[in-house]
Amino acid sequence: MYSTVICPELVQLGQKIESFRLEKKLTKEDFANELDVGLLFYYRISRGTARVSVPTLLKIAKALGVTVKSLIDF
């Protein structure tokens, strides 16, 4: 059920988030905790299989110290 890709843009978003997360040397678990989301949901975001709400996208950008534009600029 969760392995289905919703759309290519969500995959690209997940890849960008993962890239920035790795630059900050955060584990997936620590990052999910910082965002106040479950680890499974974060895995789905990073794989592009979860739809991300605007408030969650804002939290992600803030936690990574980047702009939303930098996350969605493919």
PDB file of N, CA and C in Angstrom:
ATOM      1  N   MET A   1       0.805  -1.189   0.000  1.00  0.00           N
ATOM      2  CA  MET A   1       0.000   0.000   0.000  1.00  0.00           C
ATOM      3  C   MET A   1       0.856   1.265   0.000  1.00  0.00           C
ATOM      4  N   TYR A   2       1.890   1.311   0.843  1.00  0.00           N
ATOM      5  CA  TYR A   2       2.713   2.503   0.948  1.00  0.00           C
ATOM      6  C   TYR A   2       3.829   2.578  -0.084  1.00  0.00           C
ATOM      7  N   SER A   3       4.023   1.544  -0.861  1.00  0.00           N
ATOM      8  CA  SER A   3       5.141   1.539  -1.801  1.00  0.00           C
ATOM      9  C   SER A   3       4.803   2.208  -3.135  1.00  0.00           C
ATOM     10  N   THR A   4       3.564   2.591  -3.327  1.00  0.00           N
ATOM     11  CA  THR A   4       3.157   3.216  -4.576  1.00  0.00           C
ATOM     12  C   THR A   4       3.578   4.683  -4.604  1.00  0.00           C
ATOM     13  N   VAL A   5       4.238   5.078  -5.680  1.00  0.00           N
ATOM     14  CA  VAL A   5       4.656   6.462  -5.829  1.00  0.00           C
ATOM     15  C   VAL A   5       3.442   7.295  -6.224  1.00  0.00           C
ATOM     16  N   ILE A   6       3.220   8.375  -5.510  1.00  0.00           N
ATOM     17  CA  ILE A   6       2.078   9.236  -5.792  1.00  0.00           C
ATOM     18  C   ILE A   6       2.336  10.063  -7.043  1.00  0.00           C
ATOM     19  N   CYS A   7       3.482  10.727  -7.104  1.00  0.00           N
ATOM     20  CA  CYS A   7       3.838  11.483  -8.298  1.00  0.00           C
ATOM     21  C   CYS A   7       5.343  11.752  -8.297  1.00  0.00           C
ATOM     22  N   PRO A   8       5.922  11.948  -9.474  1.00  0.00           N
ATOM     23  CA  PRO A   8       7.376  12.153  -9.567  1.00  0.00           C
ATOM     24  C   PRO A   8       7.860  13.361  -8.768  1.00  0.00           C
ATOM     25  N   GLU A   9       7.047  14.399  -8.675  1.00  0.00           N
ATOM     26  CA  GLU A   9       7.471  15.597  -7.921  1.00  0.00           C
ATOM     27  C   GLU A   9       7.636  15.286  -6.437  1.00  0.00           C
ATOM     28  N   LEU A  10       6.805  14.397  -5.911  1.00  0.00           N
ATOM     29  CA  LEU A  10       6.961  14.023  -4.505  1.00  0.00           C
ATOM     30  C   LEU A  10       8.236  13.218  -4.290  1.00  0.00           C
ATOM     31  N   VAL A  11       8.618  12.421  -5.278  1.00  0.00           N
ATOM     32  CA  VAL A  11       9.883  11.691  -5.193  1.00  0.00           C
ATOM     33  C   VAL A  11      11.037  12.691  -5.175  1.00  0.00           C
ATOM     34  N   GLN A  12      10.987  13.688  -6.048  1.00  0.00           N
ATOM     35  CA  GLN A  12      12.039  14.710  -6.089  1.00  0.00           C
ATOM     36  C   GLN A  12      12.084  15.483  -4.769  1.00  0.00           C
ATOM     37  N   LEU A  13      10.928  15.816  -4.221  1.00  0.00           N
ATOM     38  CA  LEU A  13      10.876  16.515  -2.939  1.00  0.00           C
ATOM     39  C   LEU A  13      11.528  15.666  -1.856  1.00  0.00           C
ATOM     40  N   GLY A  14      11.187  14.396  -1.812  1.00  0.00           N
ATOM     41  CA  GLY A  14      11.782  13.494  -0.826  1.00  0.00           C
ATOM     42  C   GLY A  14      13.289  13.414  -0.950  1.00  0.00           C
ATOM     43  N   GLN A  15      13.776  13.377  -2.185  1.00  0.00           N
ATOM     44  CA  GLN A  15      15.222  13.333  -2.410  1.00  0.00           C
ATOM     45  C   GLN A  15      15.902  14.609  -1.927  1.00  0.00           C
ATOM     46  N   LYS A  16      15.267  15.747  -2.178  1.00  0.00           N
ATOM     47  CA  LYS A  16      15.829  17.024  -1.713  1.00  0.00           C
ATOM     48  C   LYS A  16      15.881  17.060  -0.191  1.00  0.00           C
ATOM     49  N   ILE A  17      14.790  16.664   0.437  1.00  0.00           N
ATOM     50  CA  ILE A  17      14.737  16.666   1.902  1.00  0.00           C
ATOM     51  C   ILE A  17      15.827  15.763   2.463  1.00  0.00           C
ATOM     52  N   GLU A  18      15.962  14.571   1.899  1.00  0.00           N
ATOM     53  CA  GLU A  18      16.996  13.645   2.356  1.00  0.00           C
ATOM     54  C   GLU A  18      18.397  14.224   2.181  1.00  0.00           C
ATOM     55  N   SER A  19      18.632  14.878   1.076  1.00  0.00           N
ATOM     56  CA  SER A  19      19.936  15.484   0.821  1.00  0.00           C
ATOM     57  C   SER A  19      20.265  16.538   1.873  1.00  0.00           C
ATOM     58  N   PHE A  20      19.308  17.412   2.143  1.00  0.00           N
ATOM     59  CA  PHE A  20      19.527  18.452   3.160  1.00  0.00           C
ATOM     60  C   PHE A  20      19.670  17.834   4.555  1.00  0.00           C
ATOM     61  N   ARG A  21      18.878  16.782   4.829  1.00  0.00           N
ATOM     62  CA  ARG A  21      18.959  16.131   6.141  1.00  0.00           C
ATOM     63  C   ARG A  21      20.346  15.523   6.347  1.00  0.00           C
ATOM     64  N   LEU A  22      20.864  14.887   5.320  1.00  0.00           N
ATOM     65  CA  LEU A  22      22.187  14.279   5.418  1.00  0.00           C
ATOM     66  C   LEU A  22      23.283  15.331   5.580  1.00  0.00           C
ATOM     67  N   GLU A  23      23.132  16.473   4.906  1.00  0.00           N
ATOM     68  CA  GLU A  23      24.097  17.569   5.072  1.00  0.00           C
ATOM     69  C   GLU A  23      24.152  18.037   6.520  1.00  0.00           C
ATOM     70  N   LYS A  24      23.005  18.009   7.185  1.00  0.00           N
ATOM     71  CA  LYS A  24      22.941  18.435   8.589  1.00  0.00           C
ATOM     72  C   LYS A  24      23.313  17.313   9.551  1.00  0.00           C
ATOM     73  N   LYS A  25      23.606  16.121   8.983  1.00  0.00           N
ATOM     74  CA  LYS A  25      24.018  14.960   9.772  1.00  0.00           C
ATOM     75  C   LYS A  25      22.972  14.564  10.822  1.00  0.00           C
ATOM     76  N   LEU A  26      21.707  14.621  10.417  1.00  0.00           N
ATOM     77  CA  LEU A  26      20.609  14.205  11.292  1.00  0.00           C
ATOM     78  C   LEU A  26      20.173  12.793  10.912  1.00  0.00           C
ATOM     79  N   THR A  27      19.896  11.970  11.910  1.00  0.00           N
ATOM     80  CA  THR A  27      19.331  10.659  11.609  1.00  0.00           C
ATOM     81  C   THR A  27      17.867  10.849  11.213  1.00  0.00           C
ATOM     82  N   LYS A  28      17.324   9.857  10.533  1.00  0.00           N
ATOM     83  CA  LYS A  28      15.909   9.923  10.168  1.00  0.00           C
ATOM     84  C   LYS A  28      15.041  10.010  11.414  1.00  0.00           C
ATOM     85  N   GLU A  29      15.404   9.260  12.428  1.00  0.00           N
ATOM     86  CA  GLU A  29      14.628   9.254  13.671  1.00  0.00           C
ATOM     87  C   GLU A  29      14.671  10.621  14.354  1.00  0.00           C
ATOM     88  N   ASP A  30      15.863  11.199  14.473  1.00  0.00           N
ATOM     89  CA  ASP A  30      15.983  12.518  15.103  1.00  0.00           C
ATOM     90  C   ASP A  30      15.220  13.576  14.311  1.00  0.00           C
ATOM     91  N   PHE A  31      15.296  13.493  12.991  1.00  0.00           N
ATOM     92  CA  PHE A  31      14.618  14.469  12.157  1.00  0.00           C
ATOM     93  C   PHE A  31      13.100  14.328  12.279  1.00  0.00           C
ATOM     94  N   ALA A  32      12.600  13.102  12.262  1.00  0.00           N
ATOM     95  CA  ALA A  32      11.162  12.866  12.434  1.00  0.00           C
ATOM     96  C   ALA A  32      10.696  13.408  13.782  1.00  0.00           C
ATOM     97  N   ASN A  33      11.492  13.177  14.819  1.00  0.00           N
ATOM     98  CA  ASN A  33      11.144  13.703  16.144  1.00  0.00           C
ATOM     99  C   ASN A  33      11.115  15.221  16.144  1.00  0.00           C
ATOM    100  N   GLU A  34      12.081  15.843  15.492  1.00  0.00           N
ATOM    101  CA  GLU A  34      12.122  17.307  15.415  1.00  0.00           C
ATOM    102  C   GLU A  34      10.892  17.857  14.693  1.00  0.00           C
ATOM    103  N   LEU A  35      10.428  17.117  13.695  1.00  0.00           N
ATOM    104  CA  LEU A  35       9.249  17.542  12.936  1.00  0.00           C
ATOM    105  C   LEU A  35       7.953  17.189  13.653  1.00  0.00           C
ATOM    106  N   ASP A  36       8.053  16.367  14.684  1.00  0.00           N
ATOM    107  CA  ASP A  36       6.880  15.883  15.420  1.00  0.00           C
ATOM    108  C   ASP A  36       5.974  15.047  14.506  1.00  0.00           C
ATOM    109  N   VAL A  37       6.617  14.187  13.711  1.00  0.00           N
ATOM    110  CA  VAL A  37       5.891  13.232  12.869  1.00  0.00           C
ATOM    111  C   VAL A  37       6.435  11.843  13.173  1.00  0.00           C
ATOM    112  N   GLY A  38       5.648  10.847  12.880  1.00  0.00           N
ATOM    113  CA  GLY A  38       6.092   9.473  13.090  1.00  0.00           C
ATOM    114  C   GLY A  38       7.201   9.099  12.123  1.00  0.00           C
ATOM    115  N   LEU A  39       8.034   8.165  12.541  1.00  0.00           N
ATOM    116  CA  LEU A  39       9.145   7.731  11.702  1.00  0.00           C
ATOM    117  C   LEU A  39       8.641   7.109  10.396  1.00  0.00           C
ATOM    118  N   LEU A  40       7.582   6.319  10.469  1.00  0.00           N
ATOM    119  CA  LEU A  40       7.027   5.715   9.253  1.00  0.00           C
ATOM    120  C   LEU A  40       6.559   6.792   8.280  1.00  0.00           C
ATOM    121  N   PHE A  41       5.919   7.839   8.793  1.00  0.00           N
ATOM    122  CA  PHE A  41       5.476   8.927   7.922  1.00  0.00           C
ATOM    123  C   PHE A  41       6.685   9.624   7.306  1.00  0.00           C
ATOM    124  N   TYR A  42       7.736   9.834   8.084  1.00  0.00           N
ATOM    125  CA  TYR A  42       8.934  10.468   7.520  1.00  0.00           C
ATOM    126  C   TYR A  42       9.546   9.590   6.428  1.00  0.00           C
ATOM    127  N   TYR A  43       9.601   8.278   6.649  1.00  0.00           N
ATOM    128  CA  TYR A  43      10.106   7.380   5.604  1.00  0.00           C
ATOM    129  C   TYR A  43       9.300   7.558   4.323  1.00  0.00           C
ATOM    130  N   ARG A  44       7.993   7.641   4.460  1.00  0.00           N
ATOM    131  CA  ARG A  44       7.131   7.803   3.291  1.00  0.00           C
ATOM    132  C   ARG A  44       7.389   9.143   2.601  1.00  0.00           C
ATOM    133  N   ILE A  45       7.614  10.201   3.364  1.00  0.00           N
ATOM    134  CA  ILE A  45       7.953  11.500   2.773  1.00  0.00           C
ATOM    135  C   ILE A  45       9.250  11.376   1.983  1.00  0.00           C
ATOM    136  N   SER A  46      10.259  10.771   2.594  1.00  0.00           N
ATOM    137  CA  SER A  46      11.577  10.684   1.955  1.00  0.00           C
ATOM    138  C   SER A  46      11.563   9.806   0.701  1.00  0.00           C
ATOM    139  N   ARG A  47      10.599   8.895   0.616  1.00  0.00           N
ATOM    140  CA  ARG A  47      10.477   8.031  -0.572  1.00  0.00           C
ATOM    141  C   ARG A  47       9.523   8.595  -1.620  1.00  0.00           C
ATOM    142  N   GLY A  48       8.819   9.648  -1.257  1.00  0.00           N
ATOM    143  CA  GLY A  48       7.877  10.237  -2.201  1.00  0.00           C
ATOM    144  C   GLY A  48       6.552   9.523  -2.274  1.00  0.00           C
ATOM    145  N   THR A  49       6.219   8.779  -1.230  1.00  0.00           N
ATOM    146  CA  THR A  49       4.957   8.045  -1.227  1.00  0.00           C
ATOM    147  C   THR A  49       3.930   8.667  -0.278  1.00  0.00           C
ATOM    148  N   ALA A  50       4.252   9.815   0.291  1.00  0.00           N
ATOM    149  CA  ALA A  50       3.315  10.514   1.172  1.00  0.00           C
ATOM    150  C   ALA A  50       3.105  11.933   0.666  1.00  0.00           C
ATOM    151  N   ARG A  51       1.889  12.378   0.754  1.00  0.00           N
ATOM    152  CA  ARG A  51       1.596  13.778   0.425  1.00  0.00           C
ATOM    153  C   ARG A  51       1.972  14.627   1.628  1.00  0.00           C
ATOM    154  N   VAL A  52       2.623  15.740   1.357  1.00  0.00           N
ATOM    155  CA  VAL A  52       3.120  16.604   2.429  1.00  0.00           C
ATOM    156  C   VAL A  52       2.262  17.858   2.466  1.00  0.00           C
ATOM    157  N   SER A  53       1.713  18.152   3.637  1.00  0.00           N
ATOM    158  CA  SER A  53       0.904  19.363   3.781  1.00  0.00           C
ATOM    159  C   SER A  53       1.812  20.588   3.824  1.00  0.00           C
ATOM    160  N   VAL A  54       1.225  21.740   3.579  1.00  0.00           N
ATOM    161  CA  VAL A  54       1.998  22.986   3.626  1.00  0.00           C
ATOM    162  C   VAL A  54       2.575  23.205   5.027  1.00  0.00           C
ATOM    163  N   PRO A  55       1.802  23.035   6.109  1.00  0.00           N
ATOM    164  CA  PRO A  55       2.412  23.206   7.436  1.00  0.00           C
ATOM    165  C   PRO A  55       3.597  22.265   7.683  1.00  0.00           C
ATOM    166  N   THR A  56       3.501  21.030   7.213  1.00  0.00           N
ATOM    167  CA  THR A  56       4.619  20.091   7.380  1.00  0.00           C
ATOM    168  C   THR A  56       5.811  20.519   6.533  1.00  0.00           C
ATOM    169  N   LEU A  57       5.553  20.983   5.331  1.00  0.00           N
ATOM    170  CA  LEU A  57       6.630  21.473   4.474  1.00  0.00           C
ATOM    171  C   LEU A  57       7.335  22.666   5.120  1.00  0.00           C
ATOM    172  N   LEU A  58       6.571  23.541   5.744  1.00  0.00           N
ATOM    173  CA  LEU A  58       7.164  24.684   6.455  1.00  0.00           C
ATOM    174  C   LEU A  58       8.022  24.210   7.625  1.00  0.00           C
ATOM    175  N   LYS A  59       7.549  23.212   8.366  1.00  0.00           N
ATOM    176  CA  LYS A  59       8.333  22.655   9.486  1.00  0.00           C
ATOM    177  C   LYS A  59       9.639  22.051   8.979  1.00  0.00           C
ATOM    178  N   ILE A  60       9.549  21.326   7.863  1.00  0.00           N
ATOM    179  CA  ILE A  60      10.734  20.684   7.288  1.00  0.00           C
ATOM    180  C   ILE A  60      11.765  21.736   6.896  1.00  0.00           C
ATOM    181  N   ALA A  61      11.314  22.771   6.190  1.00  0.00           N
ATOM    182  CA  ALA A  61      12.237  23.828   5.760  1.00  0.00           C
ATOM    183  C   ALA A  61      12.888  24.501   6.961  1.00  0.00           C
ATOM    184  N   LYS A  62      12.092  24.807   7.970  1.00  0.00           N
ATOM    185  CA  LYS A  62      12.626  25.472   9.168  1.00  0.00           C
ATOM    186  C   LYS A  62      13.647  24.579   9.878  1.00  0.00           C
ATOM    187  N   ALA A  63      13.320  23.302  10.028  1.00  0.00           N
ATOM    188  CA  ALA A  63      14.227  22.368  10.708  1.00  0.00           C
ATOM    189  C   ALA A  63      15.540  22.192   9.950  1.00  0.00           C
ATOM    190  N   LEU A  64      15.477  22.298   8.632  1.00  0.00           N
ATOM    191  CA  LEU A  64      16.683  22.139   7.816  1.00  0.00           C
ATOM    192  C   LEU A  64      17.430  23.457   7.625  1.00  0.00           C
ATOM    193  N   GLY A  65      16.792  24.564   8.002  1.00  0.00           N
ATOM    194  CA  GLY A  65      17.428  25.873   7.831  1.00  0.00           C
ATOM    195  C   GLY A  65      17.477  26.307   6.378  1.00  0.00           C
ATOM    196  N   VAL A  66      16.457  25.904   5.612  1.00  0.00           N
ATOM    197  CA  VAL A  66      16.391  26.255   4.191  1.00  0.00           C
ATOM    198  C   VAL A  66      15.024  26.859   3.902  1.00  0.00           C
ATOM    199  N   THR A  67      14.876  27.391   2.710  1.00  0.00           N
ATOM    200  CA  THR A  67      13.587  27.944   2.300  1.00  0.00           C
ATOM    201  C   THR A  67      12.738  26.832   1.678  1.00  0.00           C
ATOM    202  N   VAL A  68      11.435  27.047   1.699  1.00  0.00           N
ATOM    203  CA  VAL A  68      10.533  26.108   1.019  1.00  0.00           C
ATOM    204  C   VAL A  68      10.894  26.087  -0.468  1.00  0.00           C
ATOM    205  N   LYS A  69      11.214  27.250  -1.016  1.00  0.00           N
ATOM    206  CA  LYS A  69      11.575  27.334  -2.438  1.00  0.00           C
ATOM    207  C   LYS A  69      12.734  26.405  -2.766  1.00  0.00           C
ATOM    208  N   SER A  70      13.727  26.331  -1.876  1.00  0.00           N
ATOM    209  CA  SER A  70      14.875  25.460  -2.145  1.00  0.00           C
ATOM    210  C   SER A  70      14.479  23.983  -2.129  1.00  0.00           C
ATOM    211  N   LEU A  71      13.413  23.644  -1.413  1.00  0.00           N
ATOM    212  CA  LEU A  71      12.942  22.264  -1.375  1.00  0.00           C
ATOM    213  C   LEU A  71      12.159  21.901  -2.628  1.00  0.00           C
ATOM    214  N   ILE A  72      11.408  22.863  -3.159  1.00  0.00           N
ATOM    215  CA  ILE A  72      10.531  22.543  -4.293  1.00  0.00           C
ATOM    216  C   ILE A  72      11.066  23.033  -5.631  1.00  0.00           C
ATOM    217  N   ASP A  73      12.264  23.600  -5.627  1.00  0.00           N
ATOM    218  CA  ASP A  73      12.871  24.075  -6.872  1.00  0.00           C
ATOM    219  C   ASP A  73      13.590  22.903  -7.539  1.00  0.00           C
ATOM    220  N   PHE A  74      12.879  22.217  -8.430  1.00  0.00           N
ATOM    221  CA  PHE A  74      13.438  21.039  -9.098  1.00  0.00           C
ATOM    222  C   PHE A  74      14.144  21.460 -10.329  1.00  0.00           C
TER     223      PHE A  74
END
